[in-house]
Amino acid sequence: MKRRDFLVTSALLATTTLLNAKEDNLPWIIIEEVFEVLFPKTNNMPSSKEFGALNYLYQNSKEKSFDKSDLEYLLQGALDFNSSFPLFLKASKKQKEEIIQEVSLNSYGESWLSLLIYYGIEAMLSDPIYGGNKNEIGYKALNFQAGNPKPKVKYGKINGL
């Protein structure tokens, strides 16, 4: 196969896959946008996208030690959030902040946001091996020196297993 044909075929396959997976990815898209409201970029701190909050949560949710009830709660909460605020993804930054404020006023919303904050902080401050804190950006923002030894493999796994 010629390089050009390969690139065209790959692009078509990726587009088709994204279209088919859009519904499955909706909770993750919502979570990523909510993370951006909860952890915005400031003069001193990186944004959730910069430190990789969604990547951290997604990667770690695949581990057998991850609390599956947390994952179900977060994903269902994102779907419920989307049902209540279907225009959130298209809203301005200020409107998104107002929506998050409104969500925090009821116990279900507050609990859902609290769990996102928990995992967001974990993503910002964990060792980068776990998928967050890209290039130790969270450590650098807080002028934190990580302890040694640093993990070489995730979750106590043995290399190669």
N, C-alpha and C. Protein backbone atom coordinates (compact mmCIF):
# COMPACT_ATOMS: atom_id res chain seq x y z
N MET A 1 0.84 -1.17 0.00
CA MET A 1 0.00 0.00 0.00
C MET A 1 0.89 1.24 0.00
N LYS A 2 0.54 2.17 -0.83
CA LYS A 2 1.29 3.41 -0.91
C LYS A 2 1.03 4.25 0.33
N ARG A 3 1.98 5.09 0.66
CA ARG A 3 1.89 5.93 1.86
C ARG A 3 0.63 6.78 1.83
N ARG A 4 0.34 7.39 0.69
CA ARG A 4 -0.83 8.27 0.58
C ARG A 4 -2.13 7.48 0.81
N ASP A 5 -2.22 6.29 0.21
CA ASP A 5 -3.41 5.46 0.40
C ASP A 5 -3.56 5.07 1.88
N PHE A 6 -2.42 4.76 2.49
CA PHE A 6 -2.44 4.39 3.91
C PHE A 6 -2.97 5.55 4.75
N LEU A 7 -2.48 6.77 4.49
CA LEU A 7 -2.91 7.93 5.26
C LEU A 7 -4.40 8.21 5.07
N VAL A 8 -4.88 8.12 3.85
CA VAL A 8 -6.30 8.36 3.58
C VAL A 8 -7.15 7.31 4.28
N THR A 9 -6.76 6.04 4.14
CA THR A 9 -7.50 4.94 4.78
C THR A 9 -7.50 5.10 6.29
N SER A 10 -6.36 5.45 6.84
CA SER A 10 -6.25 5.63 8.30
C SER A 10 -7.15 6.77 8.77
N ALA A 11 -7.17 7.87 8.03
CA ALA A 11 -8.00 9.01 8.41
C ALA A 11 -9.48 8.64 8.35
N LEU A 12 -9.88 7.92 7.33
CA LEU A 12 -11.28 7.49 7.22
C LEU A 12 -11.66 6.55 8.34
N LEU A 13 -10.78 5.62 8.65
CA LEU A 13 -11.04 4.67 9.73
C LEU A 13 -11.15 5.40 11.07
N ALA A 14 -10.26 6.35 11.30
CA ALA A 14 -10.29 7.11 12.56
C ALA A 14 -11.58 7.91 12.67
N THR A 15 -12.00 8.54 11.58
CA THR A 15 -13.24 9.32 11.59
C THR A 15 -14.44 8.44 11.86
N THR A 16 -14.49 7.30 11.19
CA THR A 16 -15.59 6.36 11.39
C THR A 16 -15.62 5.86 12.83
N THR A 17 -14.47 5.54 13.36
CA THR A 17 -14.38 5.06 14.74
C THR A 17 -14.85 6.13 15.71
N LEU A 18 -14.43 7.37 15.48
CA LEU A 18 -14.85 8.47 16.37
C LEU A 18 -16.36 8.68 16.31
N LEU A 19 -16.92 8.62 15.11
CA LEU A 19 -18.37 8.81 14.99
C LEU A 19 -19.13 7.70 15.70
N ASN A 20 -18.67 6.47 15.55
CA ASN A 20 -19.33 5.34 16.21
C ASN A 20 -19.15 5.38 17.72
N ALA A 21 -18.02 5.89 18.15
CA ALA A 21 -17.72 5.89 19.59
C ALA A 21 -18.17 7.15 20.30
N LYS A 22 -18.73 8.12 19.56
CA LYS A 22 -19.09 9.41 20.17
C LYS A 22 -19.99 9.23 21.39
N GLU A 23 -20.99 8.38 21.28
CA GLU A 23 -21.91 8.18 22.40
C GLU A 23 -21.20 7.56 23.60
N ASP A 24 -20.30 6.60 23.33
CA ASP A 24 -19.55 5.98 24.42
C ASP A 24 -18.58 6.97 25.06
N ASN A 25 -18.10 7.91 24.27
CA ASN A 25 -17.13 8.88 24.77
C ASN A 25 -17.76 10.09 25.41
N LEU A 26 -19.07 10.27 25.26
CA LEU A 26 -19.72 11.46 25.79
C LEU A 26 -19.44 11.68 27.28
N PRO A 27 -19.56 10.66 28.12
CA PRO A 27 -19.25 10.92 29.54
C PRO A 27 -17.82 11.43 29.75
N TRP A 28 -16.88 10.90 28.98
CA TRP A 28 -15.48 11.32 29.12
C TRP A 28 -15.30 12.75 28.62
N ILE A 29 -16.01 13.11 27.57
CA ILE A 29 -15.94 14.48 27.06
C ILE A 29 -16.50 15.45 28.10
N ILE A 30 -17.62 15.08 28.71
CA ILE A 30 -18.22 15.92 29.75
C ILE A 30 -17.25 16.06 30.92
N ILE A 31 -16.70 14.94 31.36
CA ILE A 31 -15.76 14.96 32.50
C ILE A 31 -14.57 15.86 32.19
N GLU A 32 -14.03 15.76 30.99
CA GLU A 32 -12.88 16.60 30.64
C GLU A 32 -13.23 18.08 30.71
N GLU A 33 -14.39 18.44 30.21
CA GLU A 33 -14.80 19.85 30.24
C GLU A 33 -15.09 20.32 31.66
N VAL A 34 -15.66 19.46 32.48
CA VAL A 34 -15.90 19.83 33.88
C VAL A 34 -14.56 19.97 34.61
N PHE A 35 -13.63 19.06 34.34
CA PHE A 35 -12.29 19.19 34.92
C PHE A 35 -11.70 20.57 34.60
N GLU A 36 -11.90 21.05 33.37
CA GLU A 36 -11.34 22.34 32.97
C GLU A 36 -11.94 23.50 33.77
N VAL A 37 -13.19 23.34 34.18
CA VAL A 37 -13.81 24.38 35.02
C VAL A 37 -13.29 24.25 36.46
N LEU A 38 -13.16 23.03 36.93
CA LEU A 38 -12.70 22.80 38.30
C LEU A 38 -11.22 23.11 38.48
N PHE A 39 -10.44 22.89 37.42
CA PHE A 39 -8.99 23.11 37.47
C PHE A 39 -8.56 23.99 36.29
N PRO A 40 -8.93 25.28 36.33
CA PRO A 40 -8.56 26.16 35.22
C PRO A 40 -7.09 26.56 35.31
N LYS A 41 -6.55 26.97 34.20
CA LYS A 41 -5.18 27.49 34.20
C LYS A 41 -5.18 28.84 34.92
N THR A 42 -4.22 29.02 35.80
CA THR A 42 -4.04 30.31 36.48
C THR A 42 -2.59 30.74 36.28
N ASN A 43 -2.23 31.85 36.87
CA ASN A 43 -0.83 32.31 36.77
C ASN A 43 0.13 31.32 37.41
N ASN A 44 -0.34 30.59 38.43
CA ASN A 44 0.54 29.71 39.18
C ASN A 44 0.30 28.22 38.93
N MET A 45 -0.88 27.88 38.45
CA MET A 45 -1.23 26.47 38.34
C MET A 45 -1.60 26.08 36.91
N PRO A 46 -1.26 24.86 36.53
CA PRO A 46 -1.63 24.37 35.20
C PRO A 46 -3.11 23.98 35.17
N SER A 47 -3.67 23.93 33.98
CA SER A 47 -5.06 23.48 33.82
C SER A 47 -5.11 21.96 33.87
N SER A 48 -6.31 21.45 34.00
CA SER A 48 -6.48 20.00 34.04
C SER A 48 -5.98 19.33 32.76
N LYS A 49 -6.15 20.00 31.63
CA LYS A 49 -5.64 19.43 30.36
C LYS A 49 -4.13 19.41 30.37
N GLU A 50 -3.52 20.44 30.94
CA GLU A 50 -2.06 20.51 30.98
C GLU A 50 -1.47 19.41 31.87
N PHE A 51 -2.09 19.14 33.00
CA PHE A 51 -1.52 18.09 33.85
C PHE A 51 -2.10 16.71 33.57
N GLY A 52 -3.07 16.63 32.68
CA GLY A 52 -3.55 15.33 32.22
C GLY A 52 -4.57 14.65 33.12
N ALA A 53 -5.51 15.41 33.66
CA ALA A 53 -6.50 14.84 34.58
C ALA A 53 -7.33 13.75 33.93
N LEU A 54 -7.82 14.00 32.73
CA LEU A 54 -8.66 12.99 32.08
C LEU A 54 -7.86 11.74 31.74
N ASN A 55 -6.67 11.92 31.23
CA ASN A 55 -5.82 10.78 30.89
C ASN A 55 -5.55 9.94 32.14
N TYR A 56 -5.26 10.61 33.24
CA TYR A 56 -5.01 9.91 34.50
C TYR A 56 -6.24 9.09 34.90
N LEU A 57 -7.39 9.72 34.91
CA LEU A 57 -8.61 9.04 35.33
C LEU A 57 -8.93 7.87 34.40
N TYR A 58 -8.82 8.10 33.11
CA TYR A 58 -9.14 7.05 32.13
C TYR A 58 -8.18 5.87 32.28
N GLN A 59 -6.88 6.15 32.30
CA GLN A 59 -5.90 5.06 32.42
C GLN A 59 -6.08 4.27 33.72
N ASN A 60 -6.26 4.97 34.82
CA ASN A 60 -6.36 4.29 36.10
C ASN A 60 -7.68 3.56 36.28
N SER A 61 -8.73 4.02 35.60
CA SER A 61 -10.02 3.33 35.70
C SER A 61 -9.97 1.96 35.04
N LYS A 62 -8.96 1.72 34.22
CA LYS A 62 -8.79 0.42 33.56
C LYS A 62 -8.08 -0.60 34.45
N GLU A 63 -7.49 -0.12 35.53
CA GLU A 63 -6.76 -1.01 36.45
C GLU A 63 -7.74 -1.78 37.32
N LYS A 64 -7.41 -3.04 37.61
CA LYS A 64 -8.32 -3.87 38.42
C LYS A 64 -8.46 -3.34 39.84
N SER A 65 -7.49 -2.59 40.32
CA SER A 65 -7.57 -2.05 41.69
C SER A 65 -8.42 -0.78 41.78
N PHE A 66 -8.82 -0.22 40.63
CA PHE A 66 -9.62 1.00 40.64
C PHE A 66 -11.02 0.67 41.15
N ASP A 67 -11.56 1.55 41.96
CA ASP A 67 -12.90 1.36 42.52
C ASP A 67 -13.94 1.50 41.40
N LYS A 68 -14.50 0.37 40.96
CA LYS A 68 -15.44 0.37 39.83
C LYS A 68 -16.71 1.14 40.15
N SER A 69 -17.09 1.19 41.41
CA SER A 69 -18.28 1.98 41.76
C SER A 69 -18.01 3.47 41.56
N ASP A 70 -16.78 3.92 41.78
CA ASP A 70 -16.42 5.30 41.49
C ASP A 70 -16.55 5.57 39.99
N LEU A 71 -16.05 4.64 39.19
CA LEU A 71 -16.12 4.82 37.74
C LEU A 71 -17.56 4.89 37.27
N GLU A 72 -18.38 3.97 37.74
CA GLU A 72 -19.80 3.97 37.35
C GLU A 72 -20.47 5.27 37.77
N TYR A 73 -20.18 5.72 38.97
CA TYR A 73 -20.75 6.95 39.49
C TYR A 73 -20.33 8.16 38.66
N LEU A 74 -19.05 8.23 38.32
CA LEU A 74 -18.55 9.35 37.53
C LEU A 74 -19.17 9.37 36.14
N LEU A 75 -19.23 8.20 35.50
CA LEU A 75 -19.77 8.14 34.14
C LEU A 75 -21.27 8.40 34.12
N GLN A 76 -21.99 7.80 35.06
CA GLN A 76 -23.43 8.05 35.12
C GLN A 76 -23.71 9.50 35.50
N GLY A 77 -22.90 10.04 36.39
CA GLY A 77 -23.04 11.44 36.77
C GLY A 77 -22.83 12.36 35.57
N ALA A 78 -21.88 12.01 34.72
CA ALA A 78 -21.65 12.81 33.52
C ALA A 78 -22.85 12.77 32.58
N LEU A 79 -23.45 11.60 32.45
CA LEU A 79 -24.65 11.47 31.61
C LEU A 79 -25.83 12.24 32.21
N ASP A 80 -25.99 12.15 33.52
CA ASP A 80 -27.04 12.91 34.20
C ASP A 80 -26.80 14.41 34.05
N PHE A 81 -25.56 14.79 34.21
CA PHE A 81 -25.16 16.20 34.05
C PHE A 81 -25.53 16.68 32.65
N ASN A 82 -25.20 15.86 31.64
CA ASN A 82 -25.50 16.22 30.26
C ASN A 82 -27.00 16.33 30.02
N SER A 83 -27.77 15.44 30.65
CA SER A 83 -29.23 15.51 30.51
C SER A 83 -29.79 16.80 31.11
N SER A 84 -29.22 17.21 32.22
CA SER A 84 -29.68 18.43 32.89
C SER A 84 -29.17 19.70 32.22
N PHE A 85 -27.98 19.61 31.62
CA PHE A 85 -27.34 20.78 31.01
C PHE A 85 -26.83 20.42 29.61
N PRO A 86 -27.73 20.16 28.68
CA PRO A 86 -27.32 19.69 27.35
C PRO A 86 -26.50 20.70 26.55
N LEU A 87 -26.54 21.95 26.91
CA LEU A 87 -25.78 22.96 26.17
C LEU A 87 -24.42 23.28 26.81
N PHE A 88 -24.06 22.53 27.86
CA PHE A 88 -22.82 22.79 28.58
C PHE A 88 -21.60 22.81 27.66
N LEU A 89 -21.48 21.84 26.79
CA LEU A 89 -20.29 21.75 25.95
C LEU A 89 -20.15 22.95 25.01
N LYS A 90 -21.26 23.58 24.68
CA LYS A 90 -21.23 24.73 23.77
C LYS A 90 -21.24 26.06 24.52
N ALA A 91 -21.32 26.00 25.83
CA ALA A 91 -21.41 27.21 26.64
C ALA A 91 -20.07 27.93 26.72
N SER A 92 -20.13 29.21 27.03
CA SER A 92 -18.91 29.99 27.25
C SER A 92 -18.28 29.58 28.58
N LYS A 93 -17.06 30.02 28.79
CA LYS A 93 -16.36 29.69 30.04
C LYS A 93 -17.16 30.19 31.24
N LYS A 94 -17.66 31.41 31.17
CA LYS A 94 -18.44 31.98 32.28
C LYS A 94 -19.72 31.18 32.50
N GLN A 95 -20.40 30.82 31.44
CA GLN A 95 -21.62 30.02 31.56
C GLN A 95 -21.32 28.65 32.18
N LYS A 96 -20.21 28.04 31.78
CA LYS A 96 -19.82 26.75 32.35
C LYS A 96 -19.58 26.88 33.85
N GLU A 97 -18.92 27.95 34.26
CA GLU A 97 -18.68 28.17 35.69
C GLU A 97 -19.99 28.32 36.44
N GLU A 98 -20.94 29.04 35.85
CA GLU A 98 -22.26 29.22 36.49
C GLU A 98 -23.00 27.88 36.60
N ILE A 99 -22.90 27.06 35.57
CA ILE A 99 -23.54 25.74 35.60
C ILE A 99 -22.93 24.89 36.70
N ILE A 100 -21.61 24.90 36.81
CA ILE A 100 -20.94 24.11 37.86
C ILE A 100 -21.38 24.62 39.24
N GLN A 101 -21.49 25.93 39.40
CA GLN A 101 -21.98 26.49 40.67
C GLN A 101 -23.37 25.96 40.98
N GLU A 102 -24.23 25.94 39.97
CA GLU A 102 -25.60 25.45 40.16
C GLU A 102 -25.60 23.97 40.54
N VAL A 103 -24.78 23.19 39.87
CA VAL A 103 -24.69 21.75 40.14
C VAL A 103 -24.24 21.50 41.57
N SER A 104 -23.35 22.33 42.06
CA SER A 104 -22.80 22.13 43.41
C SER A 104 -23.82 22.38 44.51
N LEU A 105 -24.96 22.95 44.16
CA LEU A 105 -25.97 23.28 45.17
C LEU A 105 -26.84 22.11 45.59
N ASN A 106 -26.82 21.02 44.82
CA ASN A 106 -27.60 19.85 45.27
C ASN A 106 -26.64 18.74 45.68
N SER A 107 -27.07 17.85 46.54
CA SER A 107 -26.17 16.86 47.13
C SER A 107 -25.59 15.90 46.10
N TYR A 108 -26.40 15.47 45.13
CA TYR A 108 -25.88 14.56 44.10
C TYR A 108 -24.79 15.25 43.29
N GLY A 109 -25.07 16.48 42.86
CA GLY A 109 -24.09 17.23 42.08
C GLY A 109 -22.84 17.54 42.88
N GLU A 110 -23.02 17.91 44.13
CA GLU A 110 -21.87 18.20 44.98
C GLU A 110 -21.01 16.96 45.18
N SER A 111 -21.64 15.82 45.38
CA SER A 111 -20.91 14.57 45.56
C SER A 111 -20.15 14.19 44.29
N TRP A 112 -20.79 14.36 43.15
CA TRP A 112 -20.16 14.04 41.86
C TRP A 112 -18.96 14.95 41.62
N LEU A 113 -19.15 16.24 41.85
CA LEU A 113 -18.05 17.19 41.67
C LEU A 113 -16.92 16.92 42.65
N SER A 114 -17.25 16.56 43.88
CA SER A 114 -16.23 16.25 44.88
C SER A 114 -15.36 15.08 44.45
N LEU A 115 -15.99 14.07 43.86
CA LEU A 115 -15.22 12.92 43.39
C LEU A 115 -14.32 13.31 42.21
N LEU A 116 -14.82 14.16 41.34
CA LEU A 116 -13.98 14.66 40.24
C LEU A 116 -12.81 15.46 40.79
N ILE A 117 -13.06 16.29 41.79
CA ILE A 117 -11.98 17.07 42.39
C ILE A 117 -10.94 16.14 43.02
N TYR A 118 -11.42 15.11 43.69
CA TYR A 118 -10.51 14.13 44.30
C TYR A 118 -9.56 13.54 43.25
N TYR A 119 -10.16 13.05 42.16
CA TYR A 119 -9.32 12.43 41.12
C TYR A 119 -8.48 13.47 40.38
N GLY A 120 -8.97 14.69 40.28
CA GLY A 120 -8.19 15.75 39.66
C GLY A 120 -6.95 16.09 40.47
N ILE A 121 -7.12 16.20 41.77
CA ILE A 121 -5.96 16.46 42.64
C ILE A 121 -4.98 15.30 42.59
N GLU A 122 -5.51 14.10 42.59
CA GLU A 122 -4.67 12.91 42.49
C GLU A 122 -3.87 12.95 41.18
N ALA A 123 -4.53 13.32 40.10
CA ALA A 123 -3.86 13.40 38.79
C ALA A 123 -2.75 14.45 38.79
N MET A 124 -3.01 15.57 39.44
CA MET A 124 -2.04 16.66 39.45
C MET A 124 -0.82 16.33 40.32
N LEU A 125 -1.01 15.51 41.35
CA LEU A 125 0.07 15.30 42.31
C LEU A 125 0.66 13.90 42.31
N SER A 126 0.14 13.02 41.47
CA SER A 126 0.69 11.67 41.44
C SER A 126 1.97 11.63 40.60
N ASP A 127 2.68 10.54 40.72
CA ASP A 127 3.85 10.36 39.87
C ASP A 127 3.37 10.25 38.42
N PRO A 128 4.09 10.86 37.49
CA PRO A 128 3.68 10.82 36.08
C PRO A 128 3.51 9.40 35.50
N ILE A 129 4.09 8.40 36.11
CA ILE A 129 3.95 7.04 35.61
C ILE A 129 2.48 6.61 35.56
N TYR A 130 1.64 7.25 36.37
CA TYR A 130 0.23 6.88 36.45
C TYR A 130 -0.65 7.63 35.45
N GLY A 131 -0.05 8.45 34.61
CA GLY A 131 -0.81 9.08 33.53
C GLY A 131 -1.17 10.53 33.72
N GLY A 132 -0.96 11.08 34.89
CA GLY A 132 -1.23 12.49 35.13
C GLY A 132 0.07 13.22 35.40
N ASN A 133 -0.04 14.46 35.88
CA ASN A 133 1.14 15.24 36.26
C ASN A 133 2.22 15.20 35.18
N LYS A 134 1.79 15.46 33.93
CA LYS A 134 2.70 15.42 32.79
C LYS A 134 3.94 16.26 33.06
N ASN A 135 5.08 15.68 32.81
CA ASN A 135 6.37 16.37 33.00
C ASN A 135 6.50 16.99 34.40
N GLU A 136 5.81 16.37 35.36
CA GLU A 136 5.82 16.83 36.75
C GLU A 136 5.37 18.28 36.88
N ILE A 137 4.44 18.68 36.01
CA ILE A 137 3.97 20.06 35.98
C ILE A 137 3.28 20.46 37.30
N GLY A 138 2.57 19.52 37.92
CA GLY A 138 1.93 19.80 39.20
C GLY A 138 2.96 20.03 40.29
N TYR A 139 3.99 19.19 40.30
CA TYR A 139 5.07 19.35 41.28
C TYR A 139 5.73 20.72 41.11
N LYS A 140 6.03 21.06 39.86
CA LYS A 140 6.73 22.32 39.58
C LYS A 140 5.88 23.52 40.00
N ALA A 141 4.57 23.46 39.75
CA ALA A 141 3.69 24.58 40.10
C ALA A 141 3.67 24.81 41.61
N LEU A 142 3.81 23.73 42.36
CA LEU A 142 3.78 23.82 43.82
C LEU A 142 5.17 23.86 44.45
N ASN A 143 6.20 23.86 43.58
CA ASN A 143 7.59 23.84 44.05
C ASN A 143 7.80 22.65 45.00
N PHE A 144 7.32 21.49 44.55
CA PHE A 144 7.37 20.27 45.35
C PHE A 144 8.46 19.35 44.84
N GLN A 145 9.23 18.80 45.73
CA GLN A 145 10.26 17.83 45.37
C GLN A 145 9.74 16.43 45.69
N ALA A 146 9.55 15.63 44.66
CA ALA A 146 9.03 14.28 44.86
C ALA A 146 10.05 13.43 45.61
N GLY A 147 9.54 12.49 46.37
CA GLY A 147 10.40 11.60 47.12
C GLY A 147 11.05 10.54 46.24
N ASN A 148 12.02 9.90 46.78
CA ASN A 148 12.70 8.81 46.09
C ASN A 148 12.63 7.57 46.94
N PRO A 149 12.62 6.41 46.38
CA PRO A 149 12.68 6.14 44.95
C PRO A 149 11.33 6.37 44.29
N LYS A 150 11.35 6.72 43.02
CA LYS A 150 10.13 6.90 42.25
C LYS A 150 9.71 5.54 41.70
N PRO A 151 8.40 5.36 41.51
CA PRO A 151 7.96 4.06 40.97
C PRO A 151 8.48 3.86 39.55
N LYS A 152 8.84 2.62 39.26
CA LYS A 152 9.32 2.26 37.93
C LYS A 152 8.24 1.52 37.14
N VAL A 153 7.30 0.92 37.86
CA VAL A 153 6.15 0.24 37.26
C VAL A 153 4.92 0.63 38.06
N LYS A 154 3.75 0.50 37.41
CA LYS A 154 2.50 0.87 38.07
C LYS A 154 2.04 -0.18 39.06
N TYR A 155 1.47 0.27 40.14
CA TYR A 155 0.73 -0.55 41.10
C TYR A 155 1.47 -1.79 41.57
N GLY A 156 2.75 -1.68 41.77
CA GLY A 156 3.52 -2.78 42.31
C GLY A 156 3.69 -3.95 41.38
N LYS A 157 3.42 -3.75 40.09
CA LYS A 157 3.60 -4.83 39.11
C LYS A 157 5.09 -5.09 38.94
N ILE A 158 5.39 -6.29 38.58
CA ILE A 158 6.78 -6.66 38.32
C ILE A 158 7.04 -6.44 36.84
N ASN A 159 8.20 -5.88 36.50
CA ASN A 159 8.54 -5.64 35.09
C ASN A 159 8.29 -6.89 34.27
N GLY A 160 7.63 -6.69 33.14
CA GLY A 160 7.40 -7.80 32.21
C GLY A 160 6.19 -8.62 32.53
N LEU A 161 5.50 -8.36 33.64
CA LEU A 161 4.33 -9.18 33.98
C LEU A 161 3.07 -8.34 33.97
